[in-house]
Amino acid sequence: KAKAKISGALPKIDFSGFILSLYSSGLVQLGKVEDPVTGKKSKNLLLASHTIDMMAMLEEKTKGNLTEEENNLFRSILSEIRIAFVEAGK
């Protein structure tokens, strides 16, 4: 079987990139940034809540297994997205 070539550079796969991806998805779901597919902003608070819950679960499951840098980043973006969720619900 032939492998398809992927054009363009993809980001390195690491934990920080993964949680930043979840964070970015959450911001789209909260209507804070444009959806990259549609180019429009729209809110889906139920989906945003689900994303935040997944991030919180990951925080609990990875406790003690992250570097200090990863842990600080994770705590920071989880706090930021929780605040954004509260603001989006007003």
N, C-alpha and C. Protein backbone atom coordinates (compact mmCIF):
# COMPACT_ATOMS: atom_id res chain seq x y z
N LYS A 1 0.84 -1.19 0.00
CA LYS A 1 0.00 0.00 0.00
C LYS A 1 0.88 1.25 0.00
N ALA A 2 0.50 2.20 -0.80
CA ALA A 2 1.25 3.45 -0.86
C ALA A 2 0.75 4.40 0.23
N LYS A 3 1.70 5.08 0.84
CA LYS A 3 1.34 6.06 1.85
C LYS A 3 1.14 7.41 1.18
N ALA A 4 0.07 8.10 1.56
CA ALA A 4 -0.18 9.43 1.01
C ALA A 4 0.79 10.42 1.65
N LYS A 5 1.30 11.34 0.85
CA LYS A 5 2.17 12.37 1.38
C LYS A 5 1.32 13.47 1.99
N ILE A 6 1.76 13.94 3.12
CA ILE A 6 1.08 15.05 3.79
C ILE A 6 1.87 16.31 3.48
N SER A 7 1.20 17.27 2.86
CA SER A 7 1.91 18.50 2.53
C SER A 7 1.75 19.50 3.66
N GLY A 8 2.73 20.34 3.81
CA GLY A 8 2.72 21.34 4.86
C GLY A 8 3.28 20.78 6.16
N ALA A 9 3.72 21.67 7.00
CA ALA A 9 4.30 21.25 8.27
C ALA A 9 3.21 21.13 9.32
N LEU A 10 3.22 20.03 10.01
CA LEU A 10 2.29 19.83 11.12
C LEU A 10 3.05 20.05 12.41
N PRO A 11 2.35 20.55 13.45
CA PRO A 11 3.05 20.76 14.71
C PRO A 11 3.50 19.44 15.33
N LYS A 12 4.55 19.52 16.11
CA LYS A 12 5.05 18.36 16.81
C LYS A 12 3.97 17.84 17.76
N ILE A 13 3.84 16.54 17.86
CA ILE A 13 2.85 15.95 18.73
C ILE A 13 3.44 15.87 20.14
N ASP A 14 2.89 16.66 21.04
CA ASP A 14 3.29 16.61 22.44
C ASP A 14 2.10 17.00 23.31
N PHE A 15 2.24 16.86 24.59
CA PHE A 15 1.11 17.09 25.49
C PHE A 15 0.66 18.55 25.45
N SER A 16 1.62 19.47 25.45
CA SER A 16 1.26 20.89 25.43
C SER A 16 0.46 21.23 24.17
N GLY A 17 0.88 20.71 23.04
CA GLY A 17 0.14 20.93 21.80
C GLY A 17 -1.25 20.36 21.85
N PHE A 18 -1.38 19.21 22.47
CA PHE A 18 -2.69 18.56 22.61
C PHE A 18 -3.64 19.40 23.46
N ILE A 19 -3.17 19.87 24.61
CA ILE A 19 -4.09 20.65 25.46
C ILE A 19 -4.37 22.02 24.85
N LEU A 20 -3.41 22.57 24.12
CA LEU A 20 -3.67 23.83 23.43
C LEU A 20 -4.71 23.63 22.33
N SER A 21 -4.72 22.47 21.71
CA SER A 21 -5.73 22.14 20.71
C SER A 21 -7.12 22.08 21.36
N LEU A 22 -7.21 21.45 22.52
CA LEU A 22 -8.50 21.42 23.24
C LEU A 22 -8.94 22.82 23.63
N TYR A 23 -8.00 23.61 24.09
CA TYR A 23 -8.27 25.00 24.48
C TYR A 23 -8.80 25.80 23.28
N SER A 24 -8.15 25.65 22.15
CA SER A 24 -8.59 26.36 20.93
C SER A 24 -10.00 25.93 20.53
N SER A 25 -10.27 24.63 20.61
CA SER A 25 -11.62 24.14 20.30
C SER A 25 -12.63 24.75 21.26
N GLY A 26 -12.28 24.82 22.53
CA GLY A 26 -13.17 25.41 23.52
C GLY A 26 -13.46 26.87 23.23
N LEU A 27 -12.44 27.61 22.80
CA LEU A 27 -12.65 29.03 22.48
C LEU A 27 -13.59 29.19 21.29
N VAL A 28 -13.48 28.30 20.32
CA VAL A 28 -14.41 28.32 19.18
C VAL A 28 -15.82 28.01 19.67
N GLN A 29 -15.96 27.00 20.53
CA GLN A 29 -17.27 26.61 21.05
C GLN A 29 -17.90 27.71 21.90
N LEU A 30 -17.07 28.52 22.54
CA LEU A 30 -17.57 29.63 23.35
C LEU A 30 -17.87 30.87 22.52
N GLY A 31 -17.57 30.81 21.24
CA GLY A 31 -17.81 31.96 20.37
C GLY A 31 -16.79 33.07 20.55
N LYS A 32 -15.65 32.75 21.15
CA LYS A 32 -14.60 33.75 21.39
C LYS A 32 -13.75 33.97 20.15
N VAL A 33 -13.61 32.94 19.33
CA VAL A 33 -12.85 33.04 18.09
C VAL A 33 -13.65 32.40 16.96
N GLU A 34 -13.30 32.77 15.75
CA GLU A 34 -14.00 32.24 14.58
C GLU A 34 -13.71 30.76 14.39
N ASP A 35 -14.72 30.03 13.96
CA ASP A 35 -14.55 28.64 13.58
C ASP A 35 -13.68 28.63 12.32
N PRO A 36 -12.57 27.90 12.32
CA PRO A 36 -11.69 27.92 11.15
C PRO A 36 -12.34 27.35 9.89
N VAL A 37 -13.38 26.54 10.04
CA VAL A 37 -14.06 25.96 8.89
C VAL A 37 -15.06 26.95 8.29
N THR A 38 -15.90 27.55 9.15
CA THR A 38 -16.95 28.44 8.67
C THR A 38 -16.53 29.90 8.60
N GLY A 39 -15.52 30.27 9.40
CA GLY A 39 -15.10 31.67 9.46
C GLY A 39 -16.06 32.52 10.29
N LYS A 40 -16.98 31.88 10.99
CA LYS A 40 -17.97 32.60 11.79
C LYS A 40 -17.83 32.24 13.26
N LYS A 41 -18.30 33.16 14.11
CA LYS A 41 -18.34 32.91 15.54
C LYS A 41 -19.73 32.42 15.93
N SER A 42 -19.78 31.37 16.72
CA SER A 42 -21.06 30.91 17.25
C SER A 42 -20.82 30.19 18.56
N LYS A 43 -21.80 30.25 19.45
CA LYS A 43 -21.68 29.63 20.77
C LYS A 43 -22.37 28.28 20.80
N ASN A 44 -21.71 27.35 21.46
CA ASN A 44 -22.31 26.06 21.79
C ASN A 44 -21.83 25.75 23.20
N LEU A 45 -22.57 26.29 24.19
CA LEU A 45 -22.13 26.18 25.58
C LEU A 45 -22.14 24.74 26.08
N LEU A 46 -23.03 23.91 25.57
CA LEU A 46 -23.05 22.51 25.98
C LEU A 46 -21.76 21.81 25.55
N LEU A 47 -21.37 22.02 24.31
CA LEU A 47 -20.13 21.41 23.80
C LEU A 47 -18.91 22.01 24.50
N ALA A 48 -18.94 23.31 24.76
CA ALA A 48 -17.83 23.95 25.47
C ALA A 48 -17.69 23.37 26.87
N SER A 49 -18.81 23.16 27.54
CA SER A 49 -18.79 22.56 28.88
C SER A 49 -18.19 21.16 28.83
N HIS A 50 -18.54 20.41 27.81
CA HIS A 50 -18.00 19.06 27.65
C HIS A 50 -16.48 19.10 27.44
N THR A 51 -16.01 20.03 26.64
CA THR A 51 -14.58 20.18 26.40
C THR A 51 -13.85 20.54 27.69
N ILE A 52 -14.42 21.46 28.46
CA ILE A 52 -13.81 21.86 29.73
C ILE A 52 -13.79 20.68 30.70
N ASP A 53 -14.86 19.90 30.72
CA ASP A 53 -14.90 18.71 31.58
C ASP A 53 -13.83 17.69 31.16
N MET A 54 -13.62 17.54 29.86
CA MET A 54 -12.56 16.63 29.38
C MET A 54 -11.20 17.12 29.84
N MET A 55 -10.98 18.43 29.75
CA MET A 55 -9.71 19.00 30.18
C MET A 55 -9.50 18.80 31.68
N ALA A 56 -10.56 18.98 32.45
CA ALA A 56 -10.47 18.78 33.90
C ALA A 56 -10.16 17.32 34.23
N MET A 57 -10.76 16.40 33.50
CA MET A 57 -10.49 14.98 33.69
C MET A 57 -9.03 14.67 33.35
N LEU A 58 -8.54 15.24 32.27
CA LEU A 58 -7.13 15.05 31.90
C LEU A 58 -6.20 15.61 32.96
N GLU A 59 -6.57 16.75 33.52
CA GLU A 59 -5.74 17.34 34.58
C GLU A 59 -5.63 16.36 35.75
N GLU A 60 -6.74 15.78 36.13
CA GLU A 60 -6.75 14.83 37.25
C GLU A 60 -5.96 13.57 36.90
N LYS A 61 -6.14 13.04 35.71
CA LYS A 61 -5.50 11.79 35.32
C LYS A 61 -4.00 11.93 35.08
N THR A 62 -3.54 13.13 34.78
CA THR A 62 -2.12 13.33 34.50
C THR A 62 -1.37 13.90 35.70
N LYS A 63 -2.07 14.12 36.80
CA LYS A 63 -1.45 14.71 37.99
C LYS A 63 -0.20 13.92 38.39
N GLY A 64 0.90 14.63 38.55
CA GLY A 64 2.15 14.00 38.93
C GLY A 64 2.95 13.45 37.77
N ASN A 65 2.42 13.51 36.56
CA ASN A 65 3.10 12.95 35.39
C ASN A 65 3.53 14.00 34.37
N LEU A 66 3.30 15.26 34.69
CA LEU A 66 3.64 16.33 33.75
C LEU A 66 4.90 17.05 34.20
N THR A 67 5.57 17.65 33.23
CA THR A 67 6.69 18.52 33.58
C THR A 67 6.12 19.77 34.24
N GLU A 68 6.96 20.52 34.90
CA GLU A 68 6.49 21.76 35.54
C GLU A 68 5.92 22.71 34.49
N GLU A 69 6.57 22.78 33.35
CA GLU A 69 6.11 23.66 32.27
C GLU A 69 4.73 23.21 31.76
N GLU A 70 4.56 21.92 31.53
CA GLU A 70 3.27 21.39 31.07
C GLU A 70 2.18 21.65 32.11
N ASN A 71 2.50 21.40 33.36
CA ASN A 71 1.53 21.60 34.44
C ASN A 71 1.10 23.06 34.54
N ASN A 72 2.07 23.98 34.47
CA ASN A 72 1.76 25.41 34.55
C ASN A 72 0.89 25.85 33.38
N LEU A 73 1.23 25.38 32.19
CA LEU A 73 0.44 25.71 31.00
C LEU A 73 -0.98 25.19 31.15
N PHE A 74 -1.09 23.93 31.56
CA PHE A 74 -2.40 23.29 31.69
C PHE A 74 -3.26 24.05 32.70
N ARG A 75 -2.72 24.32 33.86
CA ARG A 75 -3.48 25.02 34.90
C ARG A 75 -3.92 26.40 34.41
N SER A 76 -3.03 27.08 33.71
CA SER A 76 -3.32 28.42 33.21
C SER A 76 -4.45 28.41 32.18
N ILE A 77 -4.36 27.55 31.19
CA ILE A 77 -5.39 27.56 30.15
C ILE A 77 -6.71 27.00 30.66
N LEU A 78 -6.66 26.07 31.59
CA LEU A 78 -7.91 25.56 32.16
C LEU A 78 -8.62 26.65 32.94
N SER A 79 -7.86 27.43 33.68
CA SER A 79 -8.44 28.56 34.41
C SER A 79 -9.02 29.59 33.44
N GLU A 80 -8.26 29.91 32.39
CA GLU A 80 -8.72 30.89 31.40
C GLU A 80 -10.01 30.44 30.71
N ILE A 81 -10.08 29.17 30.34
CA ILE A 81 -11.28 28.72 29.61
C ILE A 81 -12.49 28.64 30.53
N ARG A 82 -12.26 28.34 31.80
CA ARG A 82 -13.37 28.35 32.76
C ARG A 82 -13.93 29.75 32.94
N ILE A 83 -13.05 30.73 33.01
CA ILE A 83 -13.49 32.14 33.12
C ILE A 83 -14.23 32.54 31.84
N ALA A 84 -13.71 32.16 30.69
CA ALA A 84 -14.36 32.48 29.41
C ALA A 84 -15.74 31.85 29.34
N PHE A 85 -15.89 30.64 29.91
CA PHE A 85 -17.19 29.97 29.91
C PHE A 85 -18.20 30.75 30.74
N VAL A 86 -17.78 31.20 31.91
CA VAL A 86 -18.67 31.99 32.77
C VAL A 86 -19.07 33.28 32.06
N GLU A 87 -18.11 33.94 31.42
CA GLU A 87 -18.40 35.18 30.70
C GLU A 87 -19.34 34.93 29.52
N ALA A 88 -19.17 33.82 28.83
CA ALA A 88 -20.00 33.50 27.66
C ALA A 88 -21.44 33.20 28.07
N GLY A 89 -21.64 32.76 29.29
CA GLY A 89 -22.98 32.43 29.76
C GLY A 89 -23.77 33.62 30.27
N LYS A 90 -23.11 34.79 30.34
CA LYS A 90 -23.82 35.99 30.85
C LYS A 90 -24.71 36.59 29.80
